[in-house]
Amino acid sequence: MRLDRYLAQSGERTRSEAARLLRSGAVRVNGEPVRDGGFHLKPNDRVELMGQTVEEKRFQYLMLHKPAGLLTAARDSRAPTVMQLLPESCARRKVLPVGRLDKDTTGLLLLTNDGELAHRLLSPKRHVWKTYKAAVTGRLTAADSQAFEQGIVLSDFTALPARMEILSAGEDESRARVQVREGKFHQIKRMFGALGHEVTALSRLTFGALSLPEELPPGQYRELTEEELAALRQEAGLAGPEEPEQSEPSEQPEQPERNENA
């Protein structure tokens, strides 16, 4: 691999920024200064930047606390997207959302350029559980919870059995924690709608093994920890902590189901 590309992929820097660092003499390979960005690295070469070892980071894994009002898309000419909350380097490295949340839905959103992991987590065969907190009109009852457990029949499909825990029930508004393991278009909204309730607010709390941290405010993101990534990989059936030899995803990773929330 070219040295300038290695430097660009190892952190949030462009090729031009890597070239500037090379020209300044801040980069060493095996202890020797190298200023040529076209220098080809061998497998065991050690790269240092200003005295610190640089390790290539091929894949990036982020969790974002999505605020309302943003589309879950790589780009859109009509409305702002979640990608505008991330550094430009994420777009260059094709870091994309795993699944989608509606424009008015908030909460946990996973983004990565690991195409294999994204595909496995979205596959209907995996049935990865997601947890949401919902506010709905009207009073929720035990009969509503039972309907979720049995699988609600909609016009075009019958939802898989889900879980709905009533957190509060008032005459005009109720709140609930919902767990689903599929992601059909507007599914949660349609499930509540079939029972006579309109969803007025929806936020995703968990995605598989990932939980939205209380300390992560809306609009902010962070890298996954090693423990979080290992748990996700295990859930996706990818044994071991090492990164897979997998090509980066295309502009939109394959998504068997149209929308991750409802």
C-alpha atoms as a PDB file:
ATOM      1  CA  MET A   1       0.000   0.000   0.000  1.00  0.00           C
ATOM      2  CA  ARG A   2       1.135   3.548  -0.734  1.00  0.00           C
ATOM      3  CA  LEU A   3       2.298   5.440   2.319  1.00  0.00           C
ATOM      4  CA  ASP A   4       0.009   8.438   1.726  1.00  0.00           C
ATOM      5  CA  ARG A   5      -3.024   6.173   1.441  1.00  0.00           C
ATOM      6  CA  TYR A   6      -2.006   4.343   4.610  1.00  0.00           C
ATOM      7  CA  LEU A   7      -1.800   7.639   6.484  1.00  0.00           C
ATOM      8  CA  ALA A   8      -5.174   8.781   5.142  1.00  0.00           C
ATOM      9  CA  GLN A   9      -6.908   5.538   6.124  1.00  0.00           C
ATOM     10  CA  SER A  10      -5.397   5.461   9.599  1.00  0.00           C
ATOM     11  CA  GLY A  11      -7.109   8.635  10.802  1.00  0.00           C
ATOM     12  CA  GLU A  12      -9.276  11.619   9.964  1.00  0.00           C
ATOM     13  CA  ARG A  13      -6.958  13.180   7.392  1.00  0.00           C
ATOM     14  CA  THR A  14      -7.083  13.658   3.628  1.00  0.00           C
ATOM     15  CA  ARG A  15      -4.442  12.623   1.101  1.00  0.00           C
ATOM     16  CA  SER A  16      -3.356  16.267   0.836  1.00  0.00           C
ATOM     17  CA  GLU A  17      -2.965  16.494   4.617  1.00  0.00           C
ATOM     18  CA  ALA A  18      -0.941  13.286   4.542  1.00  0.00           C
ATOM     19  CA  ALA A  19       1.246  14.773   1.790  1.00  0.00           C
ATOM     20  CA  ARG A  20       1.877  17.868   3.904  1.00  0.00           C
ATOM     21  CA  LEU A  21       2.947  15.721   6.852  1.00  0.00           C
ATOM     22  CA  LEU A  22       5.266  13.762   4.597  1.00  0.00           C
ATOM     23  CA  ARG A  23       6.889  16.904   3.230  1.00  0.00           C
ATOM     24  CA  SER A  24       7.468  18.189   6.753  1.00  0.00           C
ATOM     25  CA  GLY A  25       9.509  15.111   7.633  1.00  0.00           C
ATOM     26  CA  ALA A  26       7.081  14.082  10.386  1.00  0.00           C
ATOM     27  CA  VAL A  27       6.695  10.550   9.004  1.00  0.00           C
ATOM     28  CA  ARG A  28       9.167   7.720   9.538  1.00  0.00           C
ATOM     29  CA  VAL A  29       9.137   4.175   8.240  1.00  0.00           C
ATOM     30  CA  ASN A  30      11.177   1.702  10.269  1.00  0.00           C
ATOM     31  CA  GLY A  31      12.889   4.644  11.942  1.00  0.00           C
ATOM     32  CA  GLU A  32      13.883   6.415   8.717  1.00  0.00           C
ATOM     33  CA  PRO A  33      12.203   9.634   7.500  1.00  0.00           C
ATOM     34  CA  VAL A  34      10.195   9.213   4.292  1.00  0.00           C
ATOM     35  CA  ARG A  35       8.811  12.147   2.301  1.00  0.00           C
ATOM     36  CA  ASP A  36       7.519  10.282  -0.745  1.00  0.00           C
ATOM     37  CA  GLY A  37       3.791   9.539  -0.550  1.00  0.00           C
ATOM     38  CA  GLY A  38       4.204   6.920  -3.245  1.00  0.00           C
ATOM     39  CA  PHE A  39       6.517   4.871  -1.036  1.00  0.00           C
ATOM     40  CA  HIS A  40       5.133   1.319  -0.977  1.00  0.00           C
ATOM     41  CA  LEU A  41       4.861  -0.250   2.445  1.00  0.00           C
ATOM     42  CA  LYS A  42       5.700  -3.886   3.067  1.00  0.00           C
ATOM     43  CA  PRO A  43       3.567  -5.989   5.462  1.00  0.00           C
ATOM     44  CA  ASN A  44       5.847  -5.610   8.487  1.00  0.00           C
ATOM     45  CA  ASP A  45       6.874  -1.979   8.029  1.00  0.00           C
ATOM     46  CA  ARG A  46       6.442   0.240  11.092  1.00  0.00           C
ATOM     47  CA  VAL A  47       5.053   3.720  10.397  1.00  0.00           C
ATOM     48  CA  GLU A  48       5.479   6.571  12.878  1.00  0.00           C
ATOM     49  CA  LEU A  49       3.973  10.050  12.816  1.00  0.00           C
ATOM     50  CA  MET A  50       5.689  12.580  15.044  1.00  0.00           C
ATOM     51  CA  GLY A  51       7.081   9.752  17.137  1.00  0.00           C
ATOM     52  CA  GLN A  52       3.778   7.870  17.525  1.00  0.00           C
ATOM     53  CA  THR A  53       3.120   4.524  15.856  1.00  0.00           C
ATOM     54  CA  VAL A  54       0.420   4.744  13.180  1.00  0.00           C
ATOM     55  CA  GLU A  55      -1.827   1.734  12.683  1.00  0.00           C
ATOM     56  CA  GLU A  56      -4.061   1.357   9.662  1.00  0.00           C
ATOM     57  CA  LYS A  57      -7.741   1.468  10.560  1.00  0.00           C
ATOM     58  CA  ARG A  58      -9.478  -0.142   7.627  1.00  0.00           C
ATOM     59  CA  PHE A  59     -12.978  -0.181   9.083  1.00  0.00           C
ATOM     60  CA  GLN A  60     -14.693   2.421  11.211  1.00  0.00           C
ATOM     61  CA  TYR A  61     -17.562   1.783  13.620  1.00  0.00           C
ATOM     62  CA  LEU A  62     -19.594   4.675  15.030  1.00  0.00           C
ATOM     63  CA  MET A  63     -22.711   5.108  17.106  1.00  0.00           C
ATOM     64  CA  LEU A  64     -24.685   8.302  16.615  1.00  0.00           C
ATOM     65  CA  HIS A  65     -27.467   9.750  18.727  1.00  0.00           C
ATOM     66  CA  LYS A  66     -29.727  10.776  15.852  1.00  0.00           C
ATOM     67  CA  PRO A  67     -31.805  13.904  16.459  1.00  0.00           C
ATOM     68  CA  ALA A  68     -35.166  14.501  14.810  1.00  0.00           C
ATOM     69  CA  GLY A  69     -35.295  16.311  11.484  1.00  0.00           C
ATOM     70  CA  LEU A  70     -32.496  14.482   9.651  1.00  0.00           C
ATOM     71  CA  LEU A  71     -32.766  11.833   6.952  1.00  0.00           C
ATOM     72  CA  THR A  72     -30.863   8.579   7.376  1.00  0.00           C
ATOM     73  CA  ALA A  73     -29.109   8.651   4.016  1.00  0.00           C
ATOM     74  CA  ALA A  74     -25.662   9.182   2.532  1.00  0.00           C
ATOM     75  CA  ARG A  75     -26.883  12.306   0.742  1.00  0.00           C
ATOM     76  CA  ASP A  76     -30.105  14.013  -0.255  1.00  0.00           C
ATOM     77  CA  SER A  77     -30.598  17.117  -2.371  1.00  0.00           C
ATOM     78  CA  ARG A  78     -33.795  18.149  -0.579  1.00  0.00           C
ATOM     79  CA  ALA A  79     -33.096  17.698   3.129  1.00  0.00           C
ATOM     80  CA  PRO A  80     -30.186  17.469   5.586  1.00  0.00           C
ATOM     81  CA  THR A  81     -28.901  13.999   6.454  1.00  0.00           C
ATOM     82  CA  VAL A  82     -27.188  12.372   9.422  1.00  0.00           C
ATOM     83  CA  MET A  83     -23.897  12.420   7.495  1.00  0.00           C
ATOM     84  CA  GLN A  84     -23.705  16.174   8.087  1.00  0.00           C
ATOM     85  CA  LEU A  85     -23.081  15.424  11.768  1.00  0.00           C
ATOM     86  CA  LEU A  86     -19.923  13.451  10.956  1.00  0.00           C
ATOM     87  CA  PRO A  87     -16.449  14.486   9.743  1.00  0.00           C
ATOM     88  CA  GLU A  88     -15.938  14.665   5.975  1.00  0.00           C
ATOM     89  CA  SER A  89     -13.517  11.757   6.297  1.00  0.00           C
ATOM     90  CA  CYS A  90     -16.487   9.444   6.991  1.00  0.00           C
ATOM     91  CA  ALA A  91     -17.954  10.150   3.547  1.00  0.00           C
ATOM     92  CA  ARG A  92     -14.551   9.583   1.919  1.00  0.00           C
ATOM     93  CA  ARG A  93     -14.232   6.245   3.679  1.00  0.00           C
ATOM     94  CA  LYS A  94     -17.830   5.284   2.815  1.00  0.00           C
ATOM     95  CA  VAL A  95     -19.001   5.093   6.409  1.00  0.00           C
ATOM     96  CA  LEU A  96     -22.767   4.651   6.040  1.00  0.00           C
ATOM     97  CA  PRO A  97     -25.792   4.063   8.281  1.00  0.00           C
ATOM     98  CA  VAL A  98     -26.712   0.468   9.072  1.00  0.00           C
ATOM     99  CA  GLY A  99     -30.435   0.492   8.450  1.00  0.00           C
ATOM    100  CA  ARG A 100     -32.564   3.605   8.644  1.00  0.00           C
ATOM    101  CA  LEU A 101     -34.506   5.682  11.121  1.00  0.00           C
ATOM    102  CA  ASP A 102     -37.356   7.924   9.998  1.00  0.00           C
ATOM    103  CA  LYS A 103     -36.768  11.655   9.787  1.00  0.00           C
ATOM    104  CA  ASP A 104     -38.786  12.248  12.955  1.00  0.00           C
ATOM    105  CA  THR A 105     -37.351   9.263  14.850  1.00  0.00           C
ATOM    106  CA  THR A 106     -34.454   9.788  17.253  1.00  0.00           C
ATOM    107  CA  GLY A 107     -31.967   7.556  19.008  1.00  0.00           C
ATOM    108  CA  LEU A 108     -29.265   5.009  18.330  1.00  0.00           C
ATOM    109  CA  LEU A 109     -27.884   4.724  14.813  1.00  0.00           C
ATOM    110  CA  LEU A 110     -24.932   2.513  13.880  1.00  0.00           C
ATOM    111  CA  LEU A 111     -22.639   3.591  11.031  1.00  0.00           C
ATOM    112  CA  THR A 112     -19.762   1.664   9.479  1.00  0.00           C
ATOM    113  CA  ASN A 113     -17.883   0.892   6.285  1.00  0.00           C
ATOM    114  CA  ASP A 114     -17.711  -2.803   7.212  1.00  0.00           C
ATOM    115  CA  GLY A 115     -20.062  -4.120   4.545  1.00  0.00           C
ATOM    116  CA  GLU A 116     -20.171  -7.687   5.790  1.00  0.00           C
ATOM    117  CA  LEU A 117     -21.107  -6.720   9.339  1.00  0.00           C
ATOM    118  CA  ALA A 118     -23.792  -4.309   8.092  1.00  0.00           C
ATOM    119  CA  HIS A 119     -25.289  -6.926   5.784  1.00  0.00           C
ATOM    120  CA  ARG A 120     -25.418  -9.580   8.500  1.00  0.00           C
ATOM    121  CA  LEU A 121     -26.990  -7.281  11.079  1.00  0.00           C
ATOM    122  CA  LEU A 122     -29.719  -6.281   8.601  1.00  0.00           C
ATOM    123  CA  SER A 123     -30.383  -9.776   7.301  1.00  0.00           C
ATOM    124  CA  PRO A 124     -33.920 -11.015   8.087  1.00  0.00           C
ATOM    125  CA  LYS A 125     -32.338 -14.367   8.952  1.00  0.00           C
ATOM    126  CA  ARG A 126     -30.590 -12.836  11.980  1.00  0.00           C
ATOM    127  CA  HIS A 127     -33.654 -11.321  13.668  1.00  0.00           C
ATOM    128  CA  VAL A 128     -31.551  -8.797  15.560  1.00  0.00           C
ATOM    129  CA  TRP A 129     -33.614  -7.258  18.359  1.00  0.00           C
ATOM    130  CA  LYS A 130     -34.056  -3.486  18.529  1.00  0.00           C
ATOM    131  CA  THR A 131     -35.607  -1.607  21.441  1.00  0.00           C
ATOM    132  CA  TYR A 132     -37.626   1.604  21.086  1.00  0.00           C
ATOM    133  CA  LYS A 133     -39.381   3.961  23.434  1.00  0.00           C
ATOM    134  CA  ALA A 134     -42.683   5.177  22.030  1.00  0.00           C
ATOM    135  CA  ALA A 135     -45.300   7.745  22.970  1.00  0.00           C
ATOM    136  CA  VAL A 136     -48.757   7.007  21.560  1.00  0.00           C
ATOM    137  CA  THR A 137     -52.239   8.445  21.720  1.00  0.00           C
ATOM    138  CA  GLY A 138     -54.862   6.829  23.931  1.00  0.00           C
ATOM    139  CA  ARG A 139     -54.605   4.353  26.787  1.00  0.00           C
ATOM    140  CA  LEU A 140     -52.512   1.227  26.252  1.00  0.00           C
ATOM    141  CA  THR A 141     -53.838  -1.964  27.820  1.00  0.00           C
ATOM    142  CA  ALA A 142     -52.710  -5.501  28.555  1.00  0.00           C
ATOM    143  CA  ALA A 143     -54.642  -6.565  25.455  1.00  0.00           C
ATOM    144  CA  ASP A 144     -52.353  -4.369  23.347  1.00  0.00           C
ATOM    145  CA  SER A 145     -49.274  -6.020  24.858  1.00  0.00           C
ATOM    146  CA  GLN A 146     -50.756  -9.424  24.139  1.00  0.00           C
ATOM    147  CA  ALA A 147     -51.406  -8.446  20.525  1.00  0.00           C
ATOM    148  CA  PHE A 148     -47.728  -7.546  20.104  1.00  0.00           C
ATOM    149  CA  GLU A 149     -46.708 -10.908  21.566  1.00  0.00           C
ATOM    150  CA  GLN A 150     -48.993 -12.802  19.200  1.00  0.00           C
ATOM    151  CA  GLY A 151     -47.906 -10.940  16.057  1.00  0.00           C
ATOM    152  CA  ILE A 152     -50.080  -8.162  14.676  1.00  0.00           C
ATOM    153  CA  VAL A 153     -51.700  -8.782  11.287  1.00  0.00           C
ATOM    154  CA  LEU A 154     -51.172  -5.871   8.894  1.00  0.00           C
ATOM    155  CA  SER A 155     -52.426  -5.390   5.345  1.00  0.00           C
ATOM    156  CA  ASP A 156     -49.344  -6.828   3.645  1.00  0.00           C
ATOM    157  CA  PHE A 157     -47.711  -9.037   6.286  1.00  0.00           C
ATOM    158  CA  THR A 158     -48.036 -10.420   9.795  1.00  0.00           C
ATOM    159  CA  ALA A 159     -45.444  -9.003  12.163  1.00  0.00           C
ATOM    160  CA  LEU A 160     -43.224 -11.405  14.037  1.00  0.00           C
ATOM    161  CA  PRO A 161     -44.055 -11.708  17.734  1.00  0.00           C
ATOM    162  CA  ALA A 162     -42.727  -8.634  19.518  1.00  0.00           C
ATOM    163  CA  ARG A 163     -42.622  -7.247  23.057  1.00  0.00           C
ATOM    164  CA  MET A 164     -44.438  -4.174  24.325  1.00  0.00           C
ATOM    165  CA  GLU A 165     -44.033  -3.060  27.938  1.00  0.00           C
ATOM    166  CA  ILE A 166     -46.394  -0.327  29.088  1.00  0.00           C
ATOM    167  CA  LEU A 167     -44.472   2.367  30.952  1.00  0.00           C
ATOM    168  CA  SER A 168     -47.417   4.679  31.566  1.00  0.00           C
ATOM    169  CA  ALA A 169     -51.044   4.692  30.483  1.00  0.00           C
ATOM    170  CA  GLY A 170     -53.210   7.801  30.473  1.00  0.00           C
ATOM    171  CA  GLU A 171     -56.509   8.629  28.905  1.00  0.00           C
ATOM    172  CA  ASP A 172     -54.911  10.784  26.201  1.00  0.00           C
ATOM    173  CA  GLU A 173     -51.334   9.471  26.002  1.00  0.00           C
ATOM    174  CA  SER A 174     -49.365   6.360  26.886  1.00  0.00           C
ATOM    175  CA  ARG A 175     -45.704   5.440  26.796  1.00  0.00           C
ATOM    176  CA  ALA A 176     -44.185   2.051  26.073  1.00  0.00           C
ATOM    177  CA  ARG A 177     -40.955   0.192  25.510  1.00  0.00           C
ATOM    178  CA  VAL A 178     -41.132  -1.883  22.325  1.00  0.00           C
ATOM    179  CA  GLN A 179     -38.804  -4.635  21.134  1.00  0.00           C
ATOM    180  CA  VAL A 180     -38.950  -5.868  17.541  1.00  0.00           C
ATOM    181  CA  ARG A 181     -36.702  -8.179  15.543  1.00  0.00           C
ATOM    182  CA  GLU A 182     -37.540  -7.073  12.027  1.00  0.00           C
ATOM    183  CA  GLY A 183     -37.616  -3.710  10.307  1.00  0.00           C
ATOM    184  CA  LYS A 184     -40.446  -3.394   7.827  1.00  0.00           C
ATOM    185  CA  PHE A 185     -41.459   0.006   6.485  1.00  0.00           C
ATOM    186  CA  HIS A 186     -43.050   2.092   9.280  1.00  0.00           C
ATOM    187  CA  GLN A 187     -43.574  -1.124  11.189  1.00  0.00           C
ATOM    188  CA  ILE A 188     -43.937   0.120  14.766  1.00  0.00           C
ATOM    189  CA  LYS A 189     -46.193   2.978  13.721  1.00  0.00           C
ATOM    190  CA  ARG A 190     -48.338   0.579  11.729  1.00  0.00           C
ATOM    191  CA  MET A 191     -48.501  -1.962  14.568  1.00  0.00           C
ATOM    192  CA  PHE A 192     -49.741   0.648  17.022  1.00  0.00           C
ATOM    193  CA  GLY A 193     -52.034   2.053  14.335  1.00  0.00           C
ATOM    194  CA  ALA A 194     -53.651  -1.352  13.888  1.00  0.00           C
ATOM    195  CA  LEU A 195     -54.560  -1.212  17.589  1.00  0.00           C
ATOM    196  CA  GLY A 196     -55.994   2.298  17.338  1.00  0.00           C
ATOM    197  CA  HIS A 197     -53.011   4.272  18.629  1.00  0.00           C
ATOM    198  CA  GLU A 198     -51.011   6.928  16.787  1.00  0.00           C
ATOM    199  CA  VAL A 199     -47.273   7.154  17.505  1.00  0.00           C
ATOM    200  CA  THR A 200     -46.372  10.731  18.449  1.00  0.00           C
ATOM    201  CA  ALA A 201     -42.706  10.127  19.366  1.00  0.00           C
ATOM    202  CA  LEU A 202     -40.282   7.285  18.742  1.00  0.00           C
ATOM    203  CA  SER A 203     -36.692   6.784  19.852  1.00  0.00           C
ATOM    204  CA  ARG A 204     -34.404   3.776  19.429  1.00  0.00           C
ATOM    205  CA  LEU A 205     -32.604   2.709  22.592  1.00  0.00           C
ATOM    206  CA  THR A 206     -30.780  -0.450  21.498  1.00  0.00           C
ATOM    207  CA  PHE A 207     -29.617  -2.158  18.333  1.00  0.00           C
ATOM    208  CA  GLY A 208     -28.653  -5.737  19.073  1.00  0.00           C
ATOM    209  CA  ALA A 209     -25.899  -5.655  21.691  1.00  0.00           C
ATOM    210  CA  LEU A 210     -25.519  -1.862  21.424  1.00  0.00           C
ATOM    211  CA  SER A 211     -27.224   0.506  23.856  1.00  0.00           C
ATOM    212  CA  LEU A 212     -27.502   4.270  23.508  1.00  0.00           C
ATOM    213  CA  PRO A 213     -25.384   5.787  26.308  1.00  0.00           C
ATOM    214  CA  GLU A 214     -27.160   8.318  28.501  1.00  0.00           C
ATOM    215  CA  GLU A 215     -24.125  10.598  28.284  1.00  0.00           C
ATOM    216  CA  LEU A 216     -24.211  10.781  24.474  1.00  0.00           C
ATOM    217  CA  PRO A 217     -26.343  13.853  23.610  1.00  0.00           C
ATOM    218  CA  PRO A 218     -28.448  14.182  20.441  1.00  0.00           C
ATOM    219  CA  GLY A 219     -26.339  15.044  17.402  1.00  0.00           C
ATOM    220  CA  GLN A 220     -23.145  13.572  18.872  1.00  0.00           C
ATOM    221  CA  TYR A 221     -21.298  10.383  17.949  1.00  0.00           C
ATOM    222  CA  ARG A 222     -18.448   8.233  19.190  1.00  0.00           C
ATOM    223  CA  GLU A 223     -16.409   5.204  18.165  1.00  0.00           C
ATOM    224  CA  LEU A 224     -17.557   1.811  19.380  1.00  0.00           C
ATOM    225  CA  THR A 225     -15.477   0.306  22.148  1.00  0.00           C
ATOM    226  CA  GLU A 226     -13.666  -2.976  21.535  1.00  0.00           C
ATOM    227  CA  GLU A 227     -16.198  -4.712  23.785  1.00  0.00           C
ATOM    228  CA  GLU A 228     -19.165  -3.272  21.884  1.00  0.00           C
ATOM    229  CA  LEU A 229     -17.700  -4.259  18.535  1.00  0.00           C
ATOM    230  CA  ALA A 230     -16.907  -7.781  19.728  1.00  0.00           C
ATOM    231  CA  ALA A 231     -20.494  -8.207  20.966  1.00  0.00           C
ATOM    232  CA  LEU A 232     -21.901  -6.974  17.643  1.00  0.00           C
ATOM    233  CA  ARG A 233     -19.623  -9.268  15.644  1.00  0.00           C
ATOM    234  CA  GLN A 234     -20.688 -12.221  17.764  1.00  0.00           C
ATOM    235  CA  GLU A 235     -24.349 -11.353  17.219  1.00  0.00           C
ATOM    236  CA  ALA A 236     -23.687 -11.148  13.476  1.00  0.00           C
ATOM    237  CA  GLY A 237     -22.048 -14.575  13.487  1.00  0.00           C
ATOM    238  CA  LEU A 238     -18.557 -13.233  12.839  1.00  0.00           C
ATOM    239  CA  ALA A 239     -16.310 -15.057  15.281  1.00  0.00           C
ATOM    240  CA  GLY A 240     -13.203 -13.380  16.647  1.00  0.00           C
ATOM    241  CA  PRO A 241     -12.227  -9.741  17.101  1.00  0.00           C
ATOM    242  CA  GLU A 242     -10.188  -9.443  13.921  1.00  0.00           C
ATOM    243  CA  GLU A 243     -11.449  -7.372  11.033  1.00  0.00           C
ATOM    244  CA  PRO A 244     -12.828  -9.414   8.120  1.00  0.00           C
ATOM    245  CA  GLU A 245     -11.285  -9.330   4.694  1.00  0.00           C
ATOM    246  CA  GLN A 246     -14.287  -7.667   3.133  1.00  0.00           C
ATOM    247  CA  SER A 247     -14.709  -4.961   0.560  1.00  0.00           C
ATOM    248  CA  GLU A 248     -16.207  -1.660   1.579  1.00  0.00           C
ATOM    249  CA  PRO A 249     -19.952  -1.204   1.004  1.00  0.00           C
ATOM    250  CA  SER A 250     -21.372   0.635  -1.938  1.00  0.00           C
ATOM    251  CA  GLU A 251     -23.176   3.975  -1.666  1.00  0.00           C
ATOM    252  CA  GLN A 252     -26.053   2.333   0.196  1.00  0.00           C
ATOM    253  CA  PRO A 253     -25.385  -1.049   1.816  1.00  0.00           C
ATOM    254  CA  GLU A 254     -27.780  -3.810   0.899  1.00  0.00           C
ATOM    255  CA  GLN A 255     -30.824  -3.490   3.124  1.00  0.00           C
ATOM    256  CA  PRO A 256     -33.278  -6.358   2.905  1.00  0.00           C
ATOM    257  CA  GLU A 257     -35.916  -4.342   4.755  1.00  0.00           C
ATOM    258  CA  ARG A 258     -36.923  -0.827   3.759  1.00  0.00           C
ATOM    259  CA  ASN A 259     -36.861   0.904   7.108  1.00  0.00           C
ATOM    260  CA  GLU A 260     -35.417  -0.059  10.448  1.00  0.00           C
ATOM    261  CA  ASN A 261     -38.012   1.669  12.549  1.00  0.00           C
ATOM    262  CA  ALA A 262     -41.475   2.442  11.832  1.00  0.00           C
END
